[in-house]
Amino acid sequence: MKKFIIVAAILGCGAVWTVSAADAKANWDSLCAKCHGADGKGDTKIGHILHIRDFTDAKVQASFKDEDAFKAIKDGLKSDEGKTLMKPFTNLSDEEIKALVAYVRQFKK
């Protein structure tokens, strides 16, 4: 019985992670890809206008912490002049934002 509970717990955790990964991709596709590109390179019309960084670049990935990415998604980003560069995504839960940050990390080559 103990082995069954352990196996069930492991499978349950795997299912939760899979759902989170699927949700992160869906959120990326619907909320982020129009500016950052489906591949994270920022090679979009809006990406060029806003000079969005290429998330596939290891140096770009190293230039920010997960906490910074979380804050940027949750609170948005503004230029030094106060212009909105990225709107805050207040409709996302903290768990969804953490999953998006992990999704961004997978772009690194």
PDB file of N, CA and C in Angstrom:
ATOM      1  N   MET A   1       0.824  -1.189   0.000  1.00  0.00           N
ATOM      2  CA  MET A   1       0.000   0.000   0.000  1.00  0.00           C
ATOM      3  C   MET A   1       0.870   1.256   0.000  1.00  0.00           C
ATOM      4  N   LYS A   2       1.964   1.210   0.777  1.00  0.00           N
ATOM      5  CA  LYS A   2       2.861   2.349   0.852  1.00  0.00           C
ATOM      6  C   LYS A   2       3.458   2.674  -0.520  1.00  0.00           C
ATOM      7  N   LYS A   3       3.849   1.636  -1.266  1.00  0.00           N
ATOM      8  CA  LYS A   3       4.428   1.843  -2.599  1.00  0.00           C
ATOM      9  C   LYS A   3       3.405   2.487  -3.527  1.00  0.00           C
ATOM     10  N   PHE A   4       2.147   2.070  -3.412  1.00  0.00           N
ATOM     11  CA  PHE A   4       1.087   2.629  -4.250  1.00  0.00           C
ATOM     12  C   PHE A   4       0.935   4.129  -3.987  1.00  0.00           C
ATOM     13  N   ILE A   5       0.974   4.519  -2.728  1.00  0.00           N
ATOM     14  CA  ILE A   5       0.827   5.932  -2.363  1.00  0.00           C
ATOM     15  C   ILE A   5       2.007   6.740  -2.903  1.00  0.00           C
ATOM     16  N   ILE A   6       3.198   6.193  -2.790  1.00  0.00           N
ATOM     17  CA  ILE A   6       4.389   6.894  -3.295  1.00  0.00           C
ATOM     18  C   ILE A   6       4.311   7.053  -4.805  1.00  0.00           C
ATOM     19  N   VAL A   7       3.965   5.993  -5.504  1.00  0.00           N
ATOM     20  CA  VAL A   7       3.846   6.053  -6.963  1.00  0.00           C
ATOM     21  C   VAL A   7       2.753   7.042  -7.367  1.00  0.00           C
ATOM     22  N   ALA A   8       1.624   7.001  -6.686  1.00  0.00           N
ATOM     23  CA  ALA A   8       0.533   7.926  -6.989  1.00  0.00           C
ATOM     24  C   ALA A   8       0.966   9.373  -6.757  1.00  0.00           C
ATOM     25  N   ALA A   9       1.713   9.616  -5.691  1.00  0.00           N
ATOM     26  CA  ALA A   9       2.196  10.975  -5.407  1.00  0.00           C
ATOM     27  C   ALA A   9       3.159  11.454  -6.484  1.00  0.00           C
ATOM     28  N   ILE A  10       4.051  10.581  -6.918  1.00  0.00           N
ATOM     29  CA  ILE A  10       5.012  10.939  -7.962  1.00  0.00           C
ATOM     30  C   ILE A  10       4.280  11.233  -9.269  1.00  0.00           C
ATOM     31  N   LEU A  11       3.338  10.380  -9.636  1.00  0.00           N
ATOM     32  CA  LEU A  11       2.577  10.611 -10.858  1.00  0.00           C
ATOM     33  C   LEU A  11       1.744  11.881 -10.764  1.00  0.00           C
ATOM     34  N   GLY A  12       1.201  12.144  -9.608  1.00  0.00           N
ATOM     35  CA  GLY A  12       0.418  13.369  -9.406  1.00  0.00           C
ATOM     36  C   GLY A  12       1.266  14.612  -9.574  1.00  0.00           C
ATOM     37  N   CYS A  13       2.470  14.592  -9.021  1.00  0.00           N
ATOM     38  CA  CYS A  13       3.378  15.736  -9.175  1.00  0.00           C
ATOM     39  C   CYS A  13       3.767  15.921 -10.636  1.00  0.00           C
ATOM     40  N   GLY A  14       4.000  14.834 -11.329  1.00  0.00           N
ATOM     41  CA  GLY A  14       4.323  14.910 -12.757  1.00  0.00           C
ATOM     42  C   GLY A  14       3.187  15.500 -13.554  1.00  0.00           C
ATOM     43  N   ALA A  15       1.959  15.128 -13.224  1.00  0.00           N
ATOM     44  CA  ALA A  15       0.792  15.665 -13.921  1.00  0.00           C
ATOM     45  C   ALA A  15       0.648  17.158 -13.660  1.00  0.00           C
ATOM     46  N   VAL A  16       0.889  17.592 -12.442  1.00  0.00           N
ATOM     47  CA  VAL A  16       0.807  19.013 -12.108  1.00  0.00           C
ATOM     48  C   VAL A  16       1.855  19.788 -12.880  1.00  0.00           C
ATOM     49  N   TRP A  17       3.095  19.277 -12.948  1.00  0.00           N
ATOM     50  CA  TRP A  17       4.150  19.958 -13.683  1.00  0.00           C
ATOM     51  C   TRP A  17       3.798  20.056 -15.152  1.00  0.00           C
ATOM     52  N   THR A  18       3.243  18.980 -15.737  1.00  0.00           N
ATOM     53  CA  THR A  18       2.853  18.984 -17.139  1.00  0.00           C
ATOM     54  C   THR A  18       1.779  20.028 -17.398  1.00  0.00           C
ATOM     55  N   VAL A  19       0.802  20.116 -16.514  1.00  0.00           N
ATOM     56  CA  VAL A  19      -0.247  21.114 -16.666  1.00  0.00           C
ATOM     57  C   VAL A  19       0.362  22.510 -16.572  1.00  0.00           C
ATOM     58  N   SER A  20       1.274  22.734 -15.624  1.00  0.00           N
ATOM     59  CA  SER A  20       1.911  24.040 -15.493  1.00  0.00           C
ATOM     60  C   SER A  20       2.698  24.396 -16.743  1.00  0.00           C
ATOM     61  N   ALA A  21       3.423  23.427 -17.288  1.00  0.00           N
ATOM     62  CA  ALA A  21       4.189  23.676 -18.506  1.00  0.00           C
ATOM     63  C   ALA A  21       3.260  24.002 -19.667  1.00  0.00           C
ATOM     64  N   ALA A  22       2.157  23.276 -19.774  1.00  0.00           N
ATOM     65  CA  ALA A  22       1.189  23.537 -20.836  1.00  0.00           C
ATOM     66  C   ALA A  22       0.557  24.910 -20.650  1.00  0.00           C
ATOM     67  N   ASP A  23       0.226  25.264 -19.401  1.00  0.00           N
ATOM     68  CA  ASP A  23      -0.352  26.576 -19.114  1.00  0.00           C
ATOM     69  C   ASP A  23       0.652  27.680 -19.427  1.00  0.00           C
ATOM     70  N   ALA A  24       1.916  27.481 -19.099  1.00  0.00           N
ATOM     71  CA  ALA A  24       2.941  28.487 -19.365  1.00  0.00           C
ATOM     72  C   ALA A  24       3.070  28.720 -20.867  1.00  0.00           C
ATOM     73  N   LYS A  25       3.066  27.661 -21.650  1.00  0.00           N
ATOM     74  CA  LYS A  25       3.149  27.808 -23.106  1.00  0.00           C
ATOM     75  C   LYS A  25       1.923  28.528 -23.640  1.00  0.00           C
ATOM     76  N   ALA A  26       0.749  28.169 -23.151  1.00  0.00           N
ATOM     77  CA  ALA A  26      -0.482  28.832 -23.593  1.00  0.00           C
ATOM     78  C   ALA A  26      -0.454  30.313 -23.214  1.00  0.00           C
ATOM     79  N   ASN A  27      -0.004  30.617 -21.996  1.00  0.00           N
ATOM     80  CA  ASN A  27       0.101  32.017 -21.578  1.00  0.00           C
ATOM     81  C   ASN A  27       1.132  32.760 -22.423  1.00  0.00           C
ATOM     82  N   TRP A  28       2.263  32.118 -22.683  1.00  0.00           N
ATOM     83  CA  TRP A  28       3.285  32.741 -23.526  1.00  0.00           C
ATOM     84  C   TRP A  28       2.702  33.043 -24.900  1.00  0.00           C
ATOM     85  N   ASP A  29       2.058  32.048 -25.494  1.00  0.00           N
ATOM     86  CA  ASP A  29       1.520  32.214 -26.844  1.00  0.00           C
ATOM     87  C   ASP A  29       0.474  33.324 -26.913  1.00  0.00           C
ATOM     88  N   SER A  30      -0.369  33.421 -25.885  1.00  0.00           N
ATOM     89  CA  SER A  30      -1.455  34.405 -25.937  1.00  0.00           C
ATOM     90  C   SER A  30      -1.060  35.784 -25.400  1.00  0.00           C
ATOM     91  N   LEU A  31      -0.084  35.854 -24.498  1.00  0.00           N
ATOM     92  CA  LEU A  31       0.228  37.126 -23.854  1.00  0.00           C
ATOM     93  C   LEU A  31       1.589  37.710 -24.238  1.00  0.00           C
ATOM     94  N   CYS A  32       2.526  36.871 -24.587  1.00  0.00           N
ATOM     95  CA  CYS A  32       3.908  37.332 -24.730  1.00  0.00           C
ATOM     96  C   CYS A  32       4.454  37.272 -26.160  1.00  0.00           C
ATOM     97  N   ALA A  33       4.020  36.278 -26.916  1.00  0.00           N
ATOM     98  CA  ALA A  33       4.618  36.006 -28.223  1.00  0.00           C
ATOM     99  C   ALA A  33       4.451  37.148 -29.213  1.00  0.00           C
ATOM    100  N   LYS A  34       3.387  37.944 -29.090  1.00  0.00           N
ATOM    101  CA  LYS A  34       3.193  39.020 -30.067  1.00  0.00           C
ATOM    102  C   LYS A  34       4.335  40.040 -30.013  1.00  0.00           C
ATOM    103  N   CYS A  35       4.960  40.188 -28.870  1.00  0.00           N
ATOM    104  CA  CYS A  35       6.112  41.097 -28.743  1.00  0.00           C
ATOM    105  C   CYS A  35       7.433  40.336 -28.714  1.00  0.00           C
ATOM    106  N   HIS A  36       7.502  39.278 -27.913  1.00  0.00           N
ATOM    107  CA  HIS A  36       8.742  38.541 -27.704  1.00  0.00           C
ATOM    108  C   HIS A  36       8.980  37.455 -28.738  1.00  0.00           C
ATOM    109  N   GLY A  37       7.967  37.128 -29.551  1.00  0.00           N
ATOM    110  CA  GLY A  37       8.086  36.077 -30.545  1.00  0.00           C
ATOM    111  C   GLY A  37       7.842  34.713 -29.936  1.00  0.00           C
ATOM    112  N   ALA A  38       7.345  33.808 -30.733  1.00  0.00           N
ATOM    113  CA  ALA A  38       7.070  32.448 -30.256  1.00  0.00           C
ATOM    114  C   ALA A  38       8.335  31.772 -29.767  1.00  0.00           C
ATOM    115  N   ASP A  39       9.470  32.145 -30.362  1.00  0.00           N
ATOM    116  CA  ASP A  39      10.756  31.522 -30.015  1.00  0.00           C
ATOM    117  C   ASP A  39      11.563  32.322 -28.997  1.00  0.00           C
ATOM    118  N   GLY A  40      11.019  33.458 -28.504  1.00  0.00           N
ATOM    119  CA  GLY A  40      11.699  34.251 -27.486  1.00  0.00           C
ATOM    120  C   GLY A  40      12.787  35.172 -28.008  1.00  0.00           C
ATOM    121  N   LYS A  41      12.931  35.266 -29.326  1.00  0.00           N
ATOM    122  CA  LYS A  41      14.013  36.084 -29.887  1.00  0.00           C
ATOM    123  C   LYS A  41      13.660  37.567 -29.981  1.00  0.00           C
ATOM    124  N   GLY A  42      12.389  37.909 -29.813  1.00  0.00           N
ATOM    125  CA  GLY A  42      11.988  39.314 -29.914  1.00  0.00           C
ATOM    126  C   GLY A  42      11.986  39.822 -31.338  1.00  0.00           C
ATOM    127  N   ASP A  43      12.020  38.904 -32.290  1.00  0.00           N
ATOM    128  CA  ASP A  43      12.091  39.256 -33.713  1.00  0.00           C
ATOM    129  C   ASP A  43      10.676  39.461 -34.268  1.00  0.00           C
ATOM    130  N   THR A  44       9.995  40.467 -33.722  1.00  0.00           N
ATOM    131  CA  THR A  44       8.645  40.826 -34.157  1.00  0.00           C
ATOM    132  C   THR A  44       8.638  42.319 -34.452  1.00  0.00           C
ATOM    133  N   LYS A  45       7.591  42.796 -35.087  1.00  0.00           N
ATOM    134  CA  LYS A  45       7.498  44.228 -35.391  1.00  0.00           C
ATOM    135  C   LYS A  45       7.577  45.045 -34.095  1.00  0.00           C
ATOM    136  N   ILE A  46       6.771  44.660 -33.112  1.00  0.00           N
ATOM    137  CA  ILE A  46       6.779  45.362 -31.827  1.00  0.00           C
ATOM    138  C   ILE A  46       8.117  45.156 -31.123  1.00  0.00           C
ATOM    139  N   GLY A  47       8.662  43.949 -31.217  1.00  0.00           N
ATOM    140  CA  GLY A  47       9.951  43.659 -30.598  1.00  0.00           C
ATOM    141  C   GLY A  47      11.054  44.558 -31.109  1.00  0.00           C
ATOM    142  N   HIS A  48      11.045  44.828 -32.415  1.00  0.00           N
ATOM    143  CA  HIS A  48      12.056  45.724 -32.986  1.00  0.00           C
ATOM    144  C   HIS A  48      11.850  47.162 -32.519  1.00  0.00           C
ATOM    145  N   ILE A  49      10.605  47.598 -32.464  1.00  0.00           N
ATOM    146  CA  ILE A  49      10.306  48.967 -32.014  1.00  0.00           C
ATOM    147  C   ILE A  49      10.759  49.177 -30.576  1.00  0.00           C
ATOM    148  N   LEU A  50      10.489  48.176 -29.713  1.00  0.00           N
ATOM    149  CA  LEU A  50      10.805  48.298 -28.290  1.00  0.00           C
ATOM    150  C   LEU A  50      12.201  47.794 -27.933  1.00  0.00           C
ATOM    151  N   HIS A  51      12.949  47.306 -28.924  1.00  0.00           N
ATOM    152  CA  HIS A  51      14.302  46.778 -28.695  1.00  0.00           C
ATOM    153  C   HIS A  51      14.271  45.655 -27.649  1.00  0.00           C
ATOM    154  N   ILE A  52      13.348  44.739 -27.847  1.00  0.00           N
ATOM    155  CA  ILE A  52      13.201  43.605 -26.924  1.00  0.00           C
ATOM    156  C   ILE A  52      14.411  42.693 -27.042  1.00  0.00           C
ATOM    157  N   ARG A  53      14.885  42.241 -25.893  1.00  0.00           N
ATOM    158  CA  ARG A  53      16.072  41.388 -25.847  1.00  0.00           C
ATOM    159  C   ARG A  53      15.754  39.965 -26.327  1.00  0.00           C
ATOM    160  N   ASP A  54      16.775  39.305 -26.827  1.00  0.00           N
ATOM    161  CA  ASP A  54      16.689  37.939 -27.346  1.00  0.00           C
ATOM    162  C   ASP A  54      16.884  36.954 -26.192  1.00  0.00           C
ATOM    163  N   PHE A  55      15.797  36.298 -25.774  1.00  0.00           N
ATOM    164  CA  PHE A  55      15.874  35.357 -24.653  1.00  0.00           C
ATOM    165  C   PHE A  55      16.602  34.067 -24.993  1.00  0.00           C
ATOM    166  N   THR A  56      16.990  33.865 -26.262  1.00  0.00           N
ATOM    167  CA  THR A  56      17.783  32.688 -26.592  1.00  0.00           C
ATOM    168  C   THR A  56      19.275  32.935 -26.349  1.00  0.00           C
ATOM    169  N   ASP A  57      19.632  34.185 -26.105  1.00  0.00           N
ATOM    170  CA  ASP A  57      21.021  34.575 -25.850  1.00  0.00           C
ATOM    171  C   ASP A  57      21.370  34.308 -24.383  1.00  0.00           C
ATOM    172  N   ALA A  58      22.376  33.490 -24.163  1.00  0.00           N
ATOM    173  CA  ALA A  58      22.784  33.130 -22.800  1.00  0.00           C
ATOM    174  C   ALA A  58      23.187  34.360 -21.982  1.00  0.00           C
ATOM    175  N   LYS A  59      23.793  35.363 -22.630  1.00  0.00           N
ATOM    176  CA  LYS A  59      24.183  36.586 -21.921  1.00  0.00           C
ATOM    177  C   LYS A  59      22.948  37.355 -21.450  1.00  0.00           C
ATOM    178  N   VAL A  60      21.916  37.382 -22.270  1.00  0.00           N
ATOM    179  CA  VAL A  60      20.662  38.047 -21.876  1.00  0.00           C
ATOM    180  C   VAL A  60      20.054  37.291 -20.697  1.00  0.00           C
ATOM    181  N   GLN A  61      20.025  35.978 -20.779  1.00  0.00           N
ATOM    182  CA  GLN A  61      19.466  35.163 -19.698  1.00  0.00           C
ATOM    183  C   GLN A  61      20.241  35.383 -18.389  1.00  0.00           C
ATOM    184  N   ALA A  62      21.543  35.540 -18.508  1.00  0.00           N
ATOM    185  CA  ALA A  62      22.371  35.736 -17.307  1.00  0.00           C
ATOM    186  C   ALA A  62      22.219  37.140 -16.727  1.00  0.00           C
ATOM    187  N   SER A  63      21.671  38.058 -17.510  1.00  0.00           N
ATOM    188  CA  SER A  63      21.612  39.455 -17.080  1.00  0.00           C
ATOM    189  C   SER A  63      20.448  39.772 -16.141  1.00  0.00           C
ATOM    190  N   PHE A  64      19.574  38.807 -15.925  1.00  0.00           N
ATOM    191  CA  PHE A  64      18.466  39.056 -14.996  1.00  0.00           C
ATOM    192  C   PHE A  64      18.196  37.832 -14.142  1.00  0.00           C
ATOM    193  N   LYS A  65      17.677  38.095 -12.953  1.00  0.00           N
ATOM    194  CA  LYS A  65      17.321  37.022 -12.019  1.00  0.00           C
ATOM    195  C   LYS A  65      15.859  36.667 -12.205  1.00  0.00           C
ATOM    196  N   ASP A  66      15.501  35.476 -11.758  1.00  0.00           N
ATOM    197  CA  ASP A  66      14.107  35.052 -11.833  1.00  0.00           C
ATOM    198  C   ASP A  66      13.183  36.036 -11.118  1.00  0.00           C
ATOM    199  N   GLU A  67      13.667  36.591  -9.996  1.00  0.00           N
ATOM    200  CA  GLU A  67      12.856  37.550  -9.241  1.00  0.00           C
ATOM    201  C   GLU A  67      12.583  38.809 -10.066  1.00  0.00           C
ATOM    202  N   ASP A  68      13.575  39.221 -10.866  1.00  0.00           N
ATOM    203  CA  ASP A  68      13.407  40.392 -11.728  1.00  0.00           C
ATOM    204  C   ASP A  68      12.382  40.113 -12.818  1.00  0.00           C
ATOM    205  N   ALA A  69      12.461  38.919 -13.405  1.00  0.00           N
ATOM    206  CA  ALA A  69      11.504  38.543 -14.446  1.00  0.00           C
ATOM    207  C   ALA A  69      10.100  38.455 -13.859  1.00  0.00           C
ATOM    208  N   PHE A  70       9.976  37.868 -12.679  1.00  0.00           N
ATOM    209  CA  PHE A  70       8.682  37.765 -12.002  1.00  0.00           C
ATOM    210  C   PHE A  70       8.088  39.160 -11.796  1.00  0.00           C
ATOM    211  N   LYS A  71       8.902  40.073 -11.291  1.00  0.00           N
ATOM    212  CA  LYS A  71       8.446  41.439 -11.020  1.00  0.00           C
ATOM    213  C   LYS A  71       8.045  42.145 -12.312  1.00  0.00           C
ATOM    214  N   ALA A  72       8.811  41.941 -13.376  1.00  0.00           N
ATOM    215  CA  ALA A  72       8.495  42.578 -14.654  1.00  0.00           C
ATOM    216  C   ALA A  72       7.143  42.093 -15.186  1.00  0.00           C
ATOM    217  N   ILE A  73       6.876  40.796 -15.062  1.00  0.00           N
ATOM    218  CA  ILE A  73       5.604  40.252 -15.531  1.00  0.00           C
ATOM    219  C   ILE A  73       4.466  40.746 -14.650  1.00  0.00           C
ATOM    220  N   LYS A  74       4.659  40.722 -13.360  1.00  0.00           N
ATOM    221  CA  LYS A  74       3.595  41.101 -12.420  1.00  0.00           C
ATOM    222  C   LYS A  74       3.312  42.606 -12.430  1.00  0.00           C
ATOM    223  N   ASP A  75       4.390  43.418 -12.448  1.00  0.00           N
ATOM    224  CA  ASP A  75       4.247  44.868 -12.304  1.00  0.00           C
ATOM    225  C   ASP A  75       4.400  45.637 -13.617  1.00  0.00           C
ATOM    226  N   GLY A  76       4.881  44.968 -14.662  1.00  0.00           N
ATOM    227  CA  GLY A  76       5.132  45.646 -15.928  1.00  0.00           C
ATOM    228  C   GLY A  76       6.484  46.335 -15.918  1.00  0.00           C
ATOM    229  N   LEU A  77       6.812  46.950 -17.048  1.00  0.00           N
ATOM    230  CA  LEU A  77       8.083  47.660 -17.191  1.00  0.00           C
ATOM    231  C   LEU A  77       7.835  49.053 -17.757  1.00  0.00           C
ATOM    232  N   LYS A  78       8.579  50.019 -17.256  1.00  0.00           N
ATOM    233  CA  LYS A  78       8.506  51.387 -17.765  1.00  0.00           C
ATOM    234  C   LYS A  78       9.910  51.848 -18.138  1.00  0.00           C
ATOM    235  N   SER A  79       9.969  52.754 -19.109  1.00  0.00           N
ATOM    236  CA  SER A  79      11.248  53.342 -19.489  1.00  0.00           C
ATOM    237  C   SER A  79      11.659  54.351 -18.418  1.00  0.00           C
ATOM    238  N   ASP A  80      12.859  54.871 -18.529  1.00  0.00           N
ATOM    239  CA  ASP A  80      13.340  55.886 -17.594  1.00  0.00           C
ATOM    240  C   ASP A  80      12.459  57.141 -17.643  1.00  0.00           C
ATOM    241  N   GLU A  81      11.824  57.353 -18.795  1.00  0.00           N
ATOM    242  CA  GLU A  81      10.948  58.515 -18.964  1.00  0.00           C
ATOM    243  C   GLU A  81       9.520  58.241 -18.487  1.00  0.00           C
ATOM    244  N   GLY A  82       9.269  57.020 -18.022  1.00  0.00           N
ATOM    245  CA  GLY A  82       7.950  56.669 -17.516  1.00  0.00           C
ATOM    246  C   GLY A  82       7.009  56.074 -18.555  1.00  0.00           C
ATOM    247  N   LYS A  83       7.495  55.846 -19.763  1.00  0.00           N
ATOM    248  CA  LYS A  83       6.679  55.244 -20.824  1.00  0.00           C
ATOM    249  C   LYS A  83       6.525  53.747 -20.554  1.00  0.00           C
ATOM    250  N   THR A  84       5.306  53.246 -20.703  1.00  0.00           N
ATOM    251  CA  THR A  84       5.060  51.818 -20.488  1.00  0.00           C
ATOM    252  C   THR A  84       5.694  51.013 -21.611  1.00  0.00           C
ATOM    253  N   LEU A  85       6.599  50.119 -21.239  1.00  0.00           N
ATOM    254  CA  LEU A  85       7.233  49.219 -22.195  1.00  0.00           C
ATOM    255  C   LEU A  85       6.532  47.864 -22.217  1.00  0.00           C
ATOM    256  N   MET A  86       6.067  47.443 -21.041  1.00  0.00           N
ATOM    257  CA  MET A  86       5.323  46.187 -20.933  1.00  0.00           C
ATOM    258  C   MET A  86       4.275  46.382 -19.850  1.00  0.00           C
ATOM    259  N   LYS A  87       3.038  46.078 -20.199  1.00  0.00           N
ATOM    260  CA  LYS A  87       1.967  46.238 -19.219  1.00  0.00           C
ATOM    261  C   LYS A  87       2.045  45.139 -18.171  1.00  0.00           C
ATOM    262  N   PRO A  88       1.566  45.402 -16.973  1.00  0.00           N
ATOM    263  CA  PRO A  88       1.547  44.352 -15.943  1.00  0.00           C
ATOM    264  C   PRO A  88       0.471  43.317 -16.276  1.00  0.00           C
ATOM    265  N   PHE A  89       0.753  42.090 -15.941  1.00  0.00           N
ATOM    266  CA  PHE A  89      -0.215  41.014 -16.159  1.00  0.00           C
ATOM    267  C   PHE A  89      -0.832  40.636 -14.816  1.00  0.00           C
ATOM    268  N   THR A  90      -1.732  41.473 -14.353  1.00  0.00           N
ATOM    269  CA  THR A  90      -2.361  41.301 -13.047  1.00  0.00           C
ATOM    270  C   THR A  90      -3.363  40.156 -13.028  1.00  0.00           C
ATOM    271  N   ASN A  91      -3.731  39.657 -14.205  1.00  0.00           N
ATOM    272  CA  ASN A  91      -4.682  38.542 -14.275  1.00  0.00           C
ATOM    273  C   ASN A  91      -4.012  37.180 -14.079  1.00  0.00           C
ATOM    274  N   LEU A  92      -2.692  37.144 -13.977  1.00  0.00           N
ATOM    275  CA  LEU A  92      -1.969  35.889 -13.775  1.00  0.00           C
ATOM    276  C   LEU A  92      -1.699  35.659 -12.293  1.00  0.00           C
ATOM    277  N   SER A  93      -1.832  34.416 -11.862  1.00  0.00           N
ATOM    278  CA  SER A  93      -1.495  34.069 -10.482  1.00  0.00           C
ATOM    279  C   SER A  93       0.029  34.030 -10.337  1.00  0.00           C
ATOM    280  N   ASP A  94       0.497  34.053  -9.104  1.00  0.00           N
ATOM    281  CA  ASP A  94       1.934  33.950  -8.860  1.00  0.00           C
ATOM    282  C   ASP A  94       2.496  32.656  -9.447  1.00  0.00           C
ATOM    283  N   GLU A  95       1.742  31.568  -9.357  1.00  0.00           N
ATOM    284  CA  GLU A  95       2.196  30.282  -9.897  1.00  0.00           C
ATOM    285  C   GLU A  95       2.308  30.350 -11.419  1.00  0.00           C
ATOM    286  N   GLU A  96       1.363  31.019 -12.075  1.00  0.00           N
ATOM    287  CA  GLU A  96       1.427  31.161 -13.531  1.00  0.00           C
ATOM    288  C   GLU A  96       2.623  32.017 -13.938  1.00  0.00           C
ATOM    289  N   ILE A  97       2.900  33.052 -13.159  1.00  0.00           N
ATOM    290  CA  ILE A  97       4.064  33.903 -13.456  1.00  0.00           C
ATOM    291  C   ILE A  97       5.354  33.111 -13.276  1.00  0.00           C
ATOM    292  N   LYS A  98       5.461  32.332 -12.207  1.00  0.00           N
ATOM    293  CA  LYS A  98       6.651  31.501 -11.996  1.00  0.00           C
ATOM    294  C   LYS A  98       6.826  30.518 -13.147  1.00  0.00           C
ATOM    295  N   ALA A  99       5.724  29.955 -13.628  1.00  0.00           N
ATOM    296  CA  ALA A  99       5.788  29.026 -14.761  1.00  0.00           C
ATOM    297  C   ALA A  99       6.247  29.754 -16.026  1.00  0.00           C
ATOM    298  N   LEU A 100       5.816  30.998 -16.218  1.00  0.00           N
ATOM    299  CA  LEU A 100       6.264  31.783 -17.371  1.00  0.00           C
ATOM    300  C   LEU A 100       7.759  32.077 -17.284  1.00  0.00           C
ATOM    301  N   VAL A 101       8.234  32.401 -16.096  1.00  0.00           N
ATOM    302  CA  VAL A 101       9.671  32.649 -15.913  1.00  0.00           C
ATOM    303  C   VAL A 101      10.460  31.387 -16.274  1.00  0.00           C
ATOM    304  N   ALA A 102       9.993  30.237 -15.811  1.00  0.00           N
ATOM    305  CA  ALA A 102      10.657  28.972 -16.155  1.00  0.00           C
ATOM    306  C   ALA A 102      10.585  28.735 -17.665  1.00  0.00           C
ATOM    307  N   TYR A 103       9.476  29.103 -18.282  1.00  0.00           N
ATOM    308  CA  TYR A 103       9.318  28.937 -19.724  1.00  0.00           C
ATOM    309  C   TYR A 103      10.338  29.822 -20.463  1.00  0.00           C
ATOM    310  N   VAL A 104      10.533  31.044 -20.007  1.00  0.00           N
ATOM    311  CA  VAL A 104      11.523  31.938 -20.613  1.00  0.00           C
ATOM    312  C   VAL A 104      12.921  31.337 -20.490  1.00  0.00           C
ATOM    313  N   ARG A 105      13.218  30.723 -19.363  1.00  0.00           N
ATOM    314  CA  ARG A 105      14.541  30.130 -19.166  1.00  0.00           C
ATOM    315  C   ARG A 105      14.830  29.008 -20.162  1.00  0.00           C
ATOM    316  N   GLN A 106      13.798  28.320 -20.639  1.00  0.00           N
ATOM    317  CA  GLN A 106      14.041  27.215 -21.570  1.00  0.00           C
ATOM    318  C   GLN A 106      14.448  27.688 -22.957  1.00  0.00           C
ATOM    319  N   PHE A 107      14.342  28.996 -23.242  1.00  0.00           N
ATOM    320  CA  PHE A 107      14.767  29.522 -24.531  1.00  0.00           C
ATOM    321  C   PHE A 107      16.290  29.580 -24.656  1.00  0.00           C
ATOM    322  N   LYS A 108      16.988  29.629 -23.523  1.00  0.00           N
ATOM    323  CA  LYS A 108      18.456  29.775 -23.531  1.00  0.00           C
ATOM    324  C   LYS A 108      19.107  28.625 -24.267  1.00  0.00           C
ATOM    325  N   LYS A 109      20.039  28.977 -25.125  1.00  0.00           N
ATOM    326  CA  LYS A 109      20.772  27.957 -25.896  1.00  0.00           C
ATOM    327  C   LYS A 109      22.115  27.698 -25.302  1.00  0.00           C
TER     328      LYS A 109
END
